[in-house]
Amino acid sequence: MLPWRGSTWRGFLSAGGRAFGEALELYGGDWKRLKAKFPKAVLVVAGDFNQDLAPRHCYGSRDQRQALRKALKDTDLSATTGGNRDPIAARSAPCARIDHICITGSAGLTITATFRWPEASEPDRRLSDHFGVAVGVRRS
């Protein structure tokens, strides 16, 4: 999980996106090492990124969005739940997805659909303050 607005991470304060940037640098390095160690594997990174990647800004910051997009690109990861495929932004203004499923872009997979649950106006607070998310994939 990447730090949310206002949270510290390993002693780094959130001001100026510092905690987010430091965590992203560490995780991005892990993603690169995994890709180097297992070059033929499909890398899937999923979790709470605490940053939207929707067409309109909702949560996080523009700088964090740019840094996350760069880190994903640098490791050939595609945010399957970002952009116009965001299953929250498409159905629930003004919300947007901050939990993402990222898959190696060169994996030869096509995203067939993105889903959220429950299909309600709000997540089921007994389970989480976030909607669940899933993606449908097929071999290209």
Protein backbone atom coordinates (compact mmCIF):
# COMPACT_ATOMS: atom_id res chain seq x y z
CA MET A 1 0.00 0.00 0.00
CA LEU A 2 1.27 3.43 -0.90
CA PRO A 3 0.82 6.18 1.71
CA TRP A 4 -2.35 8.25 1.68
CA ARG A 5 -2.56 12.01 1.99
CA GLY A 6 -1.45 13.06 5.45
CA SER A 7 0.25 9.81 6.39
CA THR A 8 3.90 9.23 7.13
CA TRP A 9 5.85 6.28 5.77
CA ARG A 10 8.99 4.95 7.45
CA GLY A 11 9.56 8.33 9.05
CA PHE A 12 9.01 10.33 5.85
CA LEU A 13 6.33 13.01 6.15
CA SER A 14 3.54 13.36 3.61
CA ALA A 15 4.29 17.02 2.85
CA GLY A 16 5.07 17.53 -0.81
CA GLY A 17 4.33 13.87 -1.52
CA ARG A 18 7.60 12.81 0.13
CA ALA A 19 6.21 9.69 1.87
CA PHE A 20 4.43 8.62 -1.32
CA GLY A 21 7.56 9.20 -3.44
CA GLU A 22 9.87 7.30 -1.11
CA ALA A 23 7.49 4.33 -0.90
CA LEU A 24 6.96 4.34 -4.67
CA GLU A 25 10.72 4.35 -5.25
CA LEU A 26 11.13 1.29 -3.02
CA TYR A 27 8.20 -0.61 -4.54
CA GLY A 28 9.23 0.35 -8.08
CA GLY A 29 12.67 -1.11 -7.41
CA ASP A 30 11.04 -4.33 -6.23
CA TRP A 31 8.95 -4.49 -9.43
CA LYS A 32 12.09 -4.03 -11.56
CA ARG A 33 13.96 -6.76 -9.65
CA LEU A 34 11.04 -9.17 -10.05
CA LYS A 35 10.88 -8.48 -13.79
CA ALA A 36 14.63 -9.05 -14.12
CA LYS A 37 14.56 -12.27 -12.10
CA PHE A 38 11.49 -13.68 -13.88
CA PRO A 39 11.56 -12.10 -17.37
CA LYS A 40 8.98 -14.48 -18.88
CA ALA A 41 6.47 -14.20 -16.03
CA VAL A 42 3.38 -12.03 -16.08
CA LEU A 43 3.85 -9.50 -13.28
CA VAL A 44 0.66 -8.45 -11.50
CA VAL A 45 0.79 -5.70 -8.89
CA ALA A 46 -2.50 -5.07 -7.13
CA GLY A 47 -3.47 -3.12 -4.08
CA ASP A 48 -4.25 0.24 -2.54
CA PHE A 49 -2.14 2.82 -4.36
CA ASN A 50 -3.94 5.77 -2.69
CA GLN A 51 -3.82 7.60 -6.00
CA ASP A 52 -6.47 7.89 -8.67
CA LEU A 53 -5.60 7.34 -12.32
CA ALA A 54 -9.03 8.38 -13.62
CA PRO A 55 -9.62 10.89 -16.43
CA ARG A 56 -10.61 13.52 -13.84
CA HIS A 57 -8.62 14.05 -10.66
CA CYS A 58 -10.29 12.82 -7.47
CA TYR A 59 -7.74 11.63 -4.88
CA GLY A 60 -4.00 12.01 -4.38
CA SER A 61 -2.11 14.70 -6.23
CA ARG A 62 -1.12 15.50 -9.78
CA ASP A 63 2.57 15.03 -8.91
CA GLN A 64 1.89 11.64 -7.31
CA ARG A 65 -0.20 10.63 -10.33
CA GLN A 66 2.69 11.54 -12.65
CA ALA A 67 5.21 9.68 -10.46
CA LEU A 68 3.00 6.57 -10.33
CA ARG A 69 2.46 6.59 -14.09
CA LYS A 70 6.23 6.87 -14.62
CA ALA A 71 7.01 4.03 -12.18
CA LEU A 72 4.46 1.79 -13.91
CA LYS A 73 5.79 2.67 -17.36
CA ASP A 74 9.40 2.06 -16.25
CA THR A 75 8.45 -1.52 -15.33
CA ASP A 76 6.12 -2.16 -18.31
CA LEU A 77 3.09 -2.23 -16.02
CA SER A 78 -0.31 -1.06 -17.17
CA ALA A 79 -2.95 0.07 -14.66
CA THR A 80 -5.88 -1.96 -15.96
CA THR A 81 -8.19 -0.08 -13.59
CA GLY A 82 -6.99 3.40 -14.56
CA GLY A 83 -8.08 5.92 -17.16
CA ASN A 84 -11.36 5.25 -18.93
CA ARG A 85 -11.37 1.68 -17.55
CA ASP A 86 -11.79 2.92 -13.96
CA PRO A 87 -14.86 0.97 -12.79
CA ILE A 88 -15.64 3.50 -10.06
CA ALA A 89 -15.29 6.77 -11.98
CA ALA A 90 -17.43 5.36 -14.78
CA ARG A 91 -20.37 4.80 -12.42
CA SER A 92 -19.95 7.00 -9.32
CA ALA A 93 -19.16 10.65 -9.66
CA PRO A 94 -17.14 12.09 -7.97
CA CYS A 95 -15.35 8.93 -6.79
CA ALA A 96 -12.46 7.26 -8.56
CA ARG A 97 -10.48 4.07 -8.08
CA ILE A 98 -7.42 4.30 -5.81
CA ASP A 99 -7.01 0.51 -5.65
CA HIS A 100 -5.47 -0.76 -8.86
CA ILE A 101 -4.66 -3.94 -10.68
CA CYS A 102 -1.55 -3.48 -12.81
CA ILE A 103 -0.37 -6.11 -15.29
CA THR A 104 2.75 -6.36 -17.43
CA GLY A 105 1.91 -4.63 -20.71
CA SER A 106 3.90 -7.10 -22.79
CA ALA A 107 2.07 -10.11 -21.29
CA GLY A 108 -0.05 -10.65 -24.39
CA LEU A 109 -3.28 -10.15 -22.46
CA THR A 110 -6.32 -8.11 -23.43
CA ILE A 111 -8.46 -6.54 -20.73
CA THR A 112 -12.05 -7.53 -21.52
CA ALA A 113 -13.76 -5.69 -18.66
CA THR A 114 -13.30 -4.05 -15.30
CA PHE A 115 -15.73 -4.68 -12.47
CA ARG A 116 -16.54 -3.25 -9.10
CA TRP A 117 -18.62 -4.59 -6.28
CA PRO A 118 -21.01 -4.10 -4.86
CA GLU A 119 -22.96 -2.47 -7.69
CA ALA A 120 -24.34 0.14 -5.31
CA SER A 121 -23.78 3.82 -4.74
CA GLU A 122 -21.44 3.11 -1.77
CA PRO A 123 -19.10 0.27 -0.77
CA ASP A 124 -20.31 -2.18 1.87
CA ARG A 125 -18.79 -0.51 4.97
CA ARG A 126 -19.00 -3.79 6.90
CA LEU A 127 -16.27 -5.07 4.56
CA SER A 128 -14.24 -2.02 3.54
CA ASP A 129 -14.40 1.69 2.86
CA HIS A 130 -13.41 0.83 -0.74
CA PHE A 131 -15.25 -0.95 -3.53
CA GLY A 132 -13.84 -4.29 -4.59
CA VAL A 133 -12.36 -4.40 -8.08
CA ALA A 134 -11.58 -7.10 -10.62
CA VAL A 135 -10.54 -7.33 -14.24
CA GLY A 136 -11.45 -9.80 -16.96
CA VAL A 137 -8.53 -10.84 -19.20
CA ARG A 138 -7.95 -13.07 -22.20
CA ARG A 139 -4.87 -14.05 -24.16
CA SER A 140 -4.42 -11.79 -27.20
